[in-house]
Protein backbone atom coordinates (compact mmCIF):
# COMPACT_ATOMS: atom_id res chain seq x y z
CA MET A 1 -10.55 0.91 8.94
CA ASN A 2 -9.03 3.55 11.10
CA ALA A 3 -5.28 4.40 10.72
CA ILE A 4 -2.40 1.47 12.51
CA VAL A 5 -0.25 3.36 14.74
CA GLY A 6 3.07 2.74 16.32
CA THR A 7 6.17 0.87 16.44
CA TYR A 8 6.61 -1.82 18.87
CA GLU A 9 9.42 -4.46 19.65
CA CYS A 10 9.00 -7.94 19.78
CA LYS A 11 10.90 -11.42 19.37
CA ALA A 12 10.48 -13.98 17.21
CA ASP A 13 11.17 -17.68 18.74
CA SER A 14 12.55 -20.30 16.98
CA LYS A 15 9.13 -21.87 15.05
CA GLY A 16 8.37 -17.87 13.54
CA ARG A 17 5.99 -16.99 16.10
CA LEU A 18 5.61 -13.64 17.51
CA MET A 19 3.56 -12.07 20.07
CA LEU A 20 1.32 -9.18 19.03
CA PRO A 21 2.38 -5.95 21.77
CA ALA A 22 -1.27 -5.74 23.32
CA PRO A 23 -1.53 -2.05 22.29
CA LEU A 24 -1.14 -3.21 18.71
CA LYS A 25 -3.43 -6.39 19.16
CA LYS A 26 -6.09 -3.91 20.10
CA GLN A 27 -5.99 -1.68 16.90
CA LEU A 28 -6.25 -5.46 15.12
CA ALA A 29 -8.91 -6.29 17.13
CA SER A 30 -11.49 -5.73 14.60
CA GLY A 31 -9.73 -7.93 12.08
CA LEU A 32 -9.46 -10.87 13.94
CA ASP A 33 -12.02 -12.75 12.73
CA ALA A 34 -12.09 -12.19 9.31
CA GLY A 35 -8.03 -13.00 9.48
CA PHE A 36 -4.54 -11.19 7.40
CA VAL A 37 -2.38 -11.82 4.66
CA LEU A 38 1.12 -11.36 4.74
CA LYS A 39 3.31 -10.81 1.98
CA ARG A 40 6.69 -9.78 0.80
CA SER A 41 7.26 -5.92 0.79
CA VAL A 42 8.07 -4.60 -2.92
CA PHE A 43 10.29 -2.22 -1.83
CA GLN A 44 12.31 -2.98 1.54
CA PRO A 45 13.58 -6.67 3.09
CA CYS A 46 10.22 -6.82 5.55
CA LEU A 47 6.97 -8.21 5.33
CA GLU A 48 3.39 -6.58 5.08
CA LEU A 49 0.79 -7.72 7.33
CA TYR A 50 -2.82 -6.61 5.74
CA PRO A 51 -6.19 -6.86 7.70
CA MET A 52 -8.65 -8.80 5.55
CA ALA A 53 -10.75 -5.84 4.51
CA GLU A 54 -7.48 -3.92 3.49
CA TRP A 55 -6.16 -6.81 1.78
CA ASN A 56 -9.17 -6.89 -0.25
CA VAL A 57 -9.47 -2.95 -1.06
CA MET A 58 -5.41 -4.02 -2.97
CA MET A 59 -6.91 -6.64 -4.68
CA ALA A 60 -9.67 -4.81 -6.50
CA LYS A 61 -7.32 -2.16 -7.60
CA ILE A 62 -5.09 -5.25 -9.01
CA ASN A 63 -8.23 -7.00 -10.34
CA LYS A 64 -8.58 -3.78 -12.26
CA LEU A 65 -5.56 -4.68 -14.60
CA ASN A 66 -5.44 -5.91 -18.14
CA ARG A 67 -4.01 -9.58 -17.23
CA PHE A 68 -3.45 -9.81 -21.24
CA VAL A 69 -0.81 -7.06 -20.77
CA LYS A 70 2.29 -9.17 -19.93
CA LYS A 71 3.68 -6.66 -17.69
CA ASN A 72 0.75 -6.41 -15.59
CA ASN A 73 0.29 -10.29 -15.44
CA ASP A 74 4.17 -10.06 -14.45
CA PHE A 75 3.39 -7.82 -11.50
CA ILE A 76 0.64 -9.63 -10.46
CA ARG A 77 2.55 -12.73 -9.95
CA ARG A 78 5.28 -10.97 -8.38
CA PHE A 79 3.16 -9.11 -6.26
CA THR A 80 1.37 -11.99 -4.96
CA ALA A 81 4.53 -14.35 -4.39
CA GLY A 82 4.65 -16.07 -1.29
CA VAL A 83 0.88 -14.73 -0.20
CA LYS A 84 -0.22 -16.43 3.33
CA ILE A 85 -3.38 -16.21 4.88
CA VAL A 86 -2.31 -15.60 8.32
CA GLU A 87 -3.92 -15.77 11.87
CA ILE A 88 -3.50 -14.77 15.40
CA ASP A 89 -4.22 -16.96 17.82
CA ALA A 90 -5.92 -16.96 20.94
CA ALA A 91 -2.89 -16.11 22.94
CA GLY A 92 -2.13 -13.21 20.86
CA ARG A 93 0.58 -14.81 18.78
CA LEU A 94 0.77 -14.75 15.35
CA LEU A 95 3.23 -17.50 13.45
CA ILE A 96 5.43 -16.10 10.14
CA PRO A 97 5.43 -18.73 7.93
CA ARG A 98 9.02 -19.96 7.39
CA ASP A 99 9.90 -18.62 3.59
CA LEU A 100 8.91 -15.29 4.43
CA VAL A 101 10.91 -15.50 7.56
CA VAL A 102 13.63 -16.52 5.46
CA PHE A 103 12.97 -13.39 2.55
CA ALA A 104 12.83 -10.74 5.61
CA GLU A 105 15.63 -12.47 7.27
CA ILE A 106 13.87 -12.23 10.64
CA ASP A 107 16.28 -13.72 13.29
CA LYS A 108 14.88 -12.80 17.02
CA ASP A 109 14.54 -9.25 17.29
CA VAL A 110 11.72 -7.76 15.67
CA VAL A 111 9.97 -4.41 15.00
CA LEU A 112 6.13 -4.02 13.99
CA SER A 113 5.94 -0.74 12.44
CA SER A 114 2.65 0.91 11.44
CA ALA A 115 2.43 1.95 7.74
CA VAL A 116 -0.98 3.87 7.74
CA ASN A 117 -3.36 0.74 7.44
CA ILE A 118 -1.13 -1.85 7.23
CA VAL A 119 1.64 -3.49 9.53
CA GLU A 120 5.09 -3.97 8.44
CA ILE A 121 7.08 -6.56 9.88
CA TRP A 122 11.28 -6.21 10.26
CA ASP A 123 14.39 -7.87 11.66
CA LYS A 124 15.59 -5.08 14.16
CA ASP A 125 18.87 -4.33 12.71
CA LYS A 126 17.10 -3.87 9.13
CA TYR A 127 14.46 -1.49 10.56
CA GLU A 128 17.05 0.48 12.34
CA LYS A 129 19.31 0.96 8.85
CA SER A 130 15.64 1.41 6.86
CA ILE A 131 15.05 4.49 9.13
CA ASP A 132 19.03 5.95 9.46
CA ASP A 133 18.80 9.54 8.15
CA SER A 134 22.37 9.13 7.43
CA VAL A 135 21.31 7.20 4.27
CA VAL A 136 18.04 9.42 3.44
CA ASP A 137 17.70 12.90 4.29
CA PHE A 138 14.23 12.36 5.89
CA ALA A 139 13.73 16.19 5.87
CA ASP A 140 14.63 16.40 1.92
CA LEU A 141 12.39 13.07 1.11
CA ALA A 142 9.32 14.77 3.52
CA GLU A 143 9.72 17.88 1.28
CA GLU A 144 9.87 16.48 -2.13
CA VAL A 145 6.88 14.14 -1.08
CA MET A 146 4.63 16.02 0.82
CA GLY A 147 5.82 19.41 -0.19
CA ASN A 148 3.30 20.59 -2.55
CA LEU A 149 0.23 19.04 -0.44
CA ASN A 150 -1.64 22.33 0.83
CA ASP A 151 -5.32 20.30 1.35
CA GLY A 152 -6.62 21.03 4.80
CA GLU A 153 -9.03 24.11 5.50
CA ASP A 154 -6.07 25.03 7.97
CA GLY A 155 -3.57 25.35 5.01
CA ILE A 156 -1.37 22.64 6.60
CA SER A 157 -1.12 19.59 4.76
């Protein structure tokens, strides 16, 4: 799958359904038949929407862990806690199960943000706080994470 691109705002209804914006739905179209996996994020108070093909890649990595090592077993249990298979219906809506709505504290205003090969689903206020530069200096973070990479032929990462 190609990288998913964009950040989109939408509304969730009282049942936890949200209408996917057309540009995002178009990008996810190749995975509509296979479905998606929705899970809690490990690091943030948001949800992660995996196209099934991407989920299978992740599960192949996790499947290599030795389950007779307690730490590995604990990780697998926590990583897969609350995981749900979800579909995008014919109208382009995604139903977020109630327990995941509660976990991410999703109210009405929602942000769908691409994260390379998955989509993060955020309550809008929580998303805005997570990208607030006053909390984390993004320039310093970018330099620390990407500053030593130089793998492009043109010398630009």
